[in-house]
Each structure stands twice: as structure tokens, then as C-alpha cells.
Amino acid sequence: MARAIWKGVLRVGGRRVPVRLLSAVEDRAVHFRLLHAKDEAPVRQRMVNPKTGGEVPRANVRWGYEVERGAFVTLTLEELGSAEPEDARDVTIERFVDADAIGPEWYERPYWLAPDGGAARDYAALAEALRRSGKIGVARWVMRDREHAGALRAQAGHLALLTLRSVDEVIAPTDLEAPSGRPPSEKELQLARELVASLEDTLDPRRYRDDYRTRVLAFVHAKAKGRKIAPRRPRQRKEPASLAAALQASLRGGERRRA
């Protein structure tokens, strides 16, 4: 069961719904410790002055922003703290927009919102109203000394809050160069349509696992038991000569999977 990492109040107009914020994802990556090769003692990282080679105590470290090459403006913890927003517990919905108004490049991290205290009925009503409208809410809130913008969505009777990136972080489609070359031919378009049709299916998230993590853990458990596993080399794939050849190969692969 996911644990609440933050509590607040969801404000929609004059309506207030107490909520708990729960992470919707979990870090399952394989993490390693750096060890000394001779005795496997953990290796520690130190802050070192590259000019003298000596270790720098944490009390002597400053945060510097490079304004031009080799020129820095240093800031103290007190100065950085003065830039932090005032603490608040309100998640304010500013407006509702169409679901396709926010492109995938804007989304950063997903959270679940759960009702807190006796707010279950208000929570369920809001989730159902949002589902029926087909809209998403644009929200603002402060958490862990940072201002956040997010999208409120209804999902299977629950509310999800997805943080949005800042506008200066996003590369929009309008910022990209237009594709060069000739337009696709009618034959290539037909092949592309057939490819899409051949792969139509329902989504089963259980198919999408981290195979790299599985293989790494297999090595770890095998070596812990004294066994040896020969690493396998990835097979090199030949690139198709043209788009049409790639589409036809994909169509053949789809037919084999269905068979």
C-alpha cells in the first residue's frame, strides 16, 4: 500500500476537499555501491579542491552560479532560503481545459490523490464529474519549498495529479524543424495504415517490464550462490534499406505474432 508523502486541501472554486498525496511510481532500478576492488570496502566520495588536491570541508562550500565563463556569483543558504515560496497546503485548481490541450512533453511525475478524513464522498463526486466532463484541471501548489504546476485527471474512480514542467524546460513541436524531404507516397501511406491496423490491440501493462533489471538481478543472485552465468552478446540488427522495407518487415512481424 502506497504511503502518503504530503497532505493538503484540493480547492476547486469554493469547494475544499482534504487530500493525501501518494506517489504513483516507484523506483525499481538496480542501485550499486562503489567498492574497493581489494577488500570490497565501500568507497566514499569527497569534495576536493582541484587546484590543491585537498579535501574541502562542507562548511567552506558555497553555491555558485556561472554568469559567464569562469565568473561566478556565490549565494548562501540564507539567500537561497529567501527565494523559497511561502509554505501552503492548498492545491488550487485554476481552470479546466480539454484533455489534449497539454502535450506529453509537459508531464513530469505522476501522483495519486486520496481523500483524507471524511472527504470520501466529495472526492468521489469530483472524480466522477471530472471523468464525465472529459476535462483536466490545471493546478498550482507549494510542496517541499517549491512551487508546482500540475494537471488533475480522473482515472478509474481516483484523482491523479501530474506535475508539469516549467515553460522554459519544454521544447514544443513548434520549436522543431519541419521534416525535410519529399512527402510520403500513397503506397507508403497505405503501408503505414496497414501497420497501424495490424498492431491494434488492448493494453496489458504486465507485458512491459524492465528486462535489464531482471537480467542484472539474475547475475547477482547466481553469483551470490557461487554460480557463473556467461554474459550474452546482443544480436546486431540490419537496418532496412527504405521506409517501405521497414514497414513491410513490421507487417510480417505482426502477422507472425498473431499466428
Protein backbone atom coordinates (compact mmCIF):
# COMPACT_ATOMS: atom_id res chain seq x y z
CA MET A 1 0.00 0.00 0.00
CA ALA A 2 1.36 3.40 -1.01
CA ARG A 3 2.09 5.78 1.86
CA ALA A 4 1.10 9.44 1.89
CA ILE A 5 4.06 11.76 1.32
CA TRP A 6 2.15 15.05 1.75
CA LYS A 7 -1.24 16.30 2.92
CA GLY A 8 -3.19 19.28 1.71
CA VAL A 9 -6.54 20.62 0.56
CA LEU A 10 -7.81 20.46 -3.01
CA ARG A 11 -9.56 23.76 -3.79
CA VAL A 12 -11.99 23.81 -6.72
CA GLY A 13 -13.82 27.12 -6.72
CA GLY A 14 -15.36 27.41 -3.25
CA ARG A 15 -15.11 23.68 -2.63
CA ARG A 16 -12.43 22.28 -0.31
CA VAL A 17 -11.54 18.57 -0.32
CA PRO A 18 -8.84 17.37 2.13
CA VAL A 19 -6.48 15.03 0.28
CA ARG A 20 -3.33 12.98 0.71
CA LEU A 21 -0.65 12.86 -1.98
CA LEU A 22 0.77 9.44 -2.83
CA SER A 23 3.49 8.64 -5.33
CA ALA A 24 2.15 6.84 -8.41
CA VAL A 25 5.52 5.38 -9.38
CA GLU A 26 8.26 3.53 -7.53
CA ASP A 27 11.97 3.49 -8.25
CA ARG A 28 12.78 -0.13 -9.01
CA ALA A 29 16.11 0.46 -10.75
CA VAL A 30 19.12 -1.59 -9.67
CA HIS A 31 21.39 0.51 -7.45
CA PHE A 32 25.03 -0.38 -6.75
CA ARG A 33 27.54 0.64 -4.12
CA LEU A 34 31.06 1.55 -5.19
CA LEU A 35 33.56 -0.81 -3.52
CA HIS A 36 37.31 -1.07 -3.27
CA ALA A 37 38.44 -3.92 -5.54
CA LYS A 38 40.85 -5.39 -2.97
CA ASP A 39 38.76 -5.68 0.21
CA GLU A 40 35.27 -4.59 -1.00
CA ALA A 41 35.15 -1.72 1.49
CA PRO A 42 32.61 0.95 0.44
CA VAL A 43 34.25 3.87 -1.33
CA ARG A 44 33.26 7.36 -0.18
CA GLN A 45 33.09 10.45 -2.34
CA ARG A 46 34.82 13.61 -1.16
CA MET A 47 34.73 17.24 -2.25
CA VAL A 48 38.22 18.13 -3.41
CA ASN A 49 39.78 21.40 -4.49
CA PRO A 50 41.23 20.57 -7.95
CA LYS A 51 43.94 23.22 -7.56
CA THR A 52 45.39 21.88 -4.30
CA GLY A 53 44.09 18.31 -4.25
CA GLY A 54 42.97 18.86 -0.64
CA GLU A 55 39.56 17.93 0.76
CA VAL A 56 37.15 20.84 1.25
CA PRO A 57 35.08 20.86 4.47
CA ARG A 58 31.34 21.24 3.86
CA ALA A 59 31.34 24.49 5.87
CA ASN A 60 33.62 26.04 3.24
CA VAL A 61 31.40 25.09 0.28
CA ARG A 62 29.34 27.79 -1.46
CA TRP A 63 26.70 27.60 -4.16
CA GLY A 64 27.91 29.38 -7.27
CA TYR A 65 26.09 30.33 -10.47
CA GLU A 66 28.28 30.84 -13.54
CA VAL A 67 27.23 34.14 -15.14
CA GLU A 68 29.98 33.93 -17.76
CA ARG A 69 32.84 31.55 -18.39
CA GLY A 70 34.92 31.34 -15.21
CA ALA A 71 32.92 34.06 -13.39
CA PHE A 72 30.57 33.02 -10.60
CA VAL A 73 28.07 34.68 -8.28
CA THR A 74 28.00 32.87 -4.92
CA LEU A 75 24.92 32.50 -2.74
CA THR A 76 24.48 31.47 0.88
CA LEU A 77 21.86 29.13 2.30
CA GLU A 78 20.09 32.13 3.81
CA GLU A 79 19.91 33.88 0.44
CA LEU A 80 18.62 30.76 -1.26
CA GLY A 81 16.04 30.30 1.51
CA SER A 82 14.70 33.81 0.97
CA ALA A 83 13.75 32.85 -2.59
CA GLU A 84 11.58 29.92 -1.45
CA PRO A 85 7.79 30.38 -1.61
CA GLU A 86 5.66 30.62 1.49
CA ASP A 87 4.52 27.24 2.76
CA ALA A 88 0.88 26.38 1.97
CA ARG A 89 -1.33 23.31 1.89
CA ASP A 90 -3.73 24.29 -0.87
CA VAL A 91 -3.80 22.62 -4.28
CA THR A 92 -5.73 25.26 -6.22
CA ILE A 93 -7.45 24.36 -9.48
CA GLU A 94 -7.21 27.48 -11.63
CA ARG A 95 -9.11 26.28 -14.70
CA PHE A 96 -10.30 23.22 -16.62
CA VAL A 97 -9.09 22.55 -20.17
CA ASP A 98 -9.52 19.90 -22.84
CA ALA A 99 -7.51 16.73 -22.22
CA ASP A 100 -5.43 17.20 -25.39
CA ALA A 101 -4.54 20.81 -24.50
CA ILE A 102 -1.46 19.58 -22.61
CA GLY A 103 1.01 17.58 -24.69
CA PRO A 104 3.12 14.69 -23.34
CA GLU A 105 6.26 16.85 -23.29
CA TRP A 106 4.80 18.83 -20.37
CA TYR A 107 4.28 15.93 -17.96
CA GLU A 108 6.97 15.17 -15.38
CA ARG A 109 5.89 12.97 -12.43
CA PRO A 110 2.55 11.36 -11.52
CA TYR A 111 0.93 11.24 -8.08
CA TRP A 112 -2.31 9.82 -6.77
CA LEU A 113 -4.61 11.95 -4.68
CA ALA A 114 -6.56 10.12 -1.98
CA PRO A 115 -9.34 11.53 0.23
CA ASP A 116 -8.31 12.49 3.74
CA GLY A 117 -10.51 12.39 6.82
CA GLY A 118 -14.22 12.39 5.96
CA ALA A 119 -13.88 13.74 2.42
CA ALA A 120 -14.55 10.47 0.59
CA ARG A 121 -17.96 11.49 -0.81
CA ASP A 122 -16.79 14.90 -2.04
CA TYR A 123 -13.71 13.25 -3.52
CA ALA A 124 -15.75 10.61 -5.38
CA ALA A 125 -18.17 13.23 -6.71
CA LEU A 126 -15.33 15.37 -8.03
CA ALA A 127 -13.61 12.38 -9.67
CA GLU A 128 -16.82 11.31 -11.41
CA ALA A 129 -17.67 14.86 -12.53
CA LEU A 130 -14.18 15.25 -13.96
CA ARG A 131 -14.44 11.90 -15.77
CA ARG A 132 -17.76 12.81 -17.36
CA SER A 133 -16.55 16.22 -18.47
CA GLY A 134 -13.53 14.83 -20.30
CA LYS A 135 -11.53 17.78 -18.97
CA ILE A 136 -8.36 18.07 -16.90
CA GLY A 137 -7.76 20.66 -14.19
CA VAL A 138 -4.71 22.94 -14.16
CA ALA A 139 -3.44 23.20 -10.58
CA ARG A 140 -0.86 25.11 -8.55
CA TRP A 141 0.55 24.25 -5.13
CA VAL A 142 3.65 24.50 -2.93
CA MET A 143 5.40 21.35 -1.72
CA ARG A 144 8.86 20.90 -0.21
CA ASP A 145 9.78 24.56 -0.67
CA ARG A 146 8.98 24.54 -4.38
CA GLU A 147 6.09 25.86 -6.43
CA HIS A 148 4.48 23.28 -8.69
CA ALA A 149 2.03 23.33 -11.56
CA GLY A 150 0.11 20.20 -12.37
CA ALA A 151 -2.75 18.52 -14.22
CA LEU A 152 -5.61 16.95 -12.29
CA ARG A 153 -7.10 13.93 -14.06
CA ALA A 154 -9.73 11.32 -13.22
CA GLN A 155 -8.60 7.71 -13.55
CA ALA A 156 -10.72 4.66 -12.62
CA GLY A 157 -12.57 6.45 -9.83
CA HIS A 158 -9.40 8.09 -8.47
CA LEU A 159 -7.82 11.50 -8.92
CA ALA A 160 -4.31 11.73 -10.34
CA LEU A 161 -2.12 14.83 -10.08
CA LEU A 162 0.71 15.04 -12.61
CA THR A 163 3.39 17.68 -12.19
CA LEU A 164 4.06 19.85 -15.23
CA ARG A 165 7.42 21.13 -16.36
CA SER A 166 8.19 24.84 -16.41
CA VAL A 167 7.68 26.61 -19.73
CA ASP A 168 11.43 27.26 -20.08
CA GLU A 169 12.13 23.50 -19.87
CA VAL A 170 9.78 22.40 -22.65
CA ILE A 171 10.73 22.10 -26.32
CA ALA A 172 7.40 22.45 -28.10
CA PRO A 173 6.63 20.90 -31.52
CA THR A 174 6.61 24.44 -32.97
CA ASP A 175 10.28 24.76 -31.92
CA LEU A 176 11.29 21.80 -34.09
CA GLU A 177 12.41 21.98 -37.69
CA ALA A 178 9.87 20.80 -40.20
CA PRO A 179 10.64 17.31 -41.61
CA SER A 180 12.70 17.58 -44.76
CA GLY A 181 12.42 15.51 -47.92
CA ARG A 182 9.52 14.62 -50.15
CA PRO A 183 6.06 13.85 -48.77
CA PRO A 184 5.28 10.12 -48.37
CA SER A 185 3.82 8.43 -51.42
CA GLU A 186 0.33 6.93 -51.42
CA LYS A 187 1.88 3.44 -51.32
CA GLU A 188 3.92 4.35 -48.21
CA LEU A 189 0.84 5.86 -46.55
CA GLN A 190 -1.13 2.69 -47.26
CA LEU A 191 1.65 0.55 -45.78
CA ALA A 192 1.71 2.77 -42.69
CA ARG A 193 -2.07 2.44 -42.28
CA GLU A 194 -1.81 -1.33 -42.60
CA LEU A 195 0.95 -1.35 -39.99
CA VAL A 196 -1.20 0.59 -37.53
CA ALA A 197 -4.17 -1.72 -38.18
CA SER A 198 -2.03 -4.86 -37.77
CA LEU A 199 -0.86 -3.79 -34.30
CA GLU A 200 -4.24 -2.71 -32.89
CA ASP A 201 -4.79 -4.40 -29.53
CA THR A 202 -5.73 -3.79 -25.92
CA LEU A 203 -3.08 -2.57 -23.48
CA ASP A 204 -1.66 -5.07 -20.99
CA PRO A 205 0.85 -3.20 -18.77
CA ARG A 206 2.19 -6.53 -17.46
CA ARG A 207 3.97 -7.02 -20.77
CA TYR A 208 6.20 -4.04 -20.19
CA ARG A 209 8.82 -4.92 -17.64
CA ASP A 210 12.41 -3.85 -17.09
CA ASP A 211 14.22 -6.81 -18.68
CA TYR A 212 17.61 -5.25 -17.96
CA ARG A 213 16.82 -5.20 -14.23
CA THR A 214 15.67 -8.82 -14.38
CA ARG A 215 18.89 -9.94 -16.07
CA VAL A 216 21.11 -7.95 -13.69
CA LEU A 217 19.37 -9.42 -10.63
CA ALA A 218 19.73 -12.90 -12.15
CA PHE A 219 23.50 -12.30 -12.34
CA VAL A 220 23.53 -11.05 -8.73
CA HIS A 221 21.58 -14.00 -7.30
CA ALA A 222 23.57 -16.52 -9.34
CA LYS A 223 26.92 -15.12 -8.21
CA ALA A 224 25.69 -15.00 -4.61
CA LYS A 225 25.13 -18.78 -4.87
CA GLY A 226 28.55 -19.36 -6.45
CA ARG A 227 27.24 -19.96 -9.95
CA LYS A 228 28.57 -18.42 -13.14
CA ILE A 229 26.48 -17.10 -16.00
CA ALA A 230 28.08 -16.29 -19.33
CA PRO A 231 27.02 -12.81 -20.48
CA ARG A 232 25.18 -12.93 -23.78
CA ARG A 233 26.00 -10.52 -26.56
CA PRO A 234 23.12 -8.58 -28.11
CA ARG A 235 22.34 -9.56 -31.67
CA GLN A 236 23.10 -6.91 -34.27
CA ARG A 237 20.11 -5.97 -36.40
CA LYS A 238 20.38 -4.94 -40.01
CA GLU A 239 18.80 -1.61 -40.83
CA PRO A 240 16.16 -1.75 -43.63
CA ALA A 241 17.08 -0.02 -46.86
CA SER A 242 13.92 2.12 -47.04
CA LEU A 243 10.77 3.13 -45.18
CA ALA A 244 8.72 0.76 -47.30
CA ALA A 245 11.04 -2.13 -46.44
CA ALA A 246 10.81 -1.27 -42.74
CA LEU A 247 7.01 -1.14 -42.83
CA GLN A 248 6.77 -4.44 -44.72
CA ALA A 249 9.12 -6.10 -42.19
CA SER A 250 6.98 -4.78 -39.34
CA LEU A 251 3.83 -6.10 -41.00
CA ARG A 252 5.41 -9.55 -41.37
CA GLY A 253 6.45 -9.45 -37.71
CA GLY A 254 2.91 -8.54 -36.67
CA GLU A 255 1.47 -11.42 -38.70
CA ARG A 256 3.89 -13.88 -37.05
CA ARG A 257 2.93 -12.63 -33.56
CA ARG A 258 -0.78 -13.05 -34.28
CA ALA A 259 -0.17 -16.54 -35.67
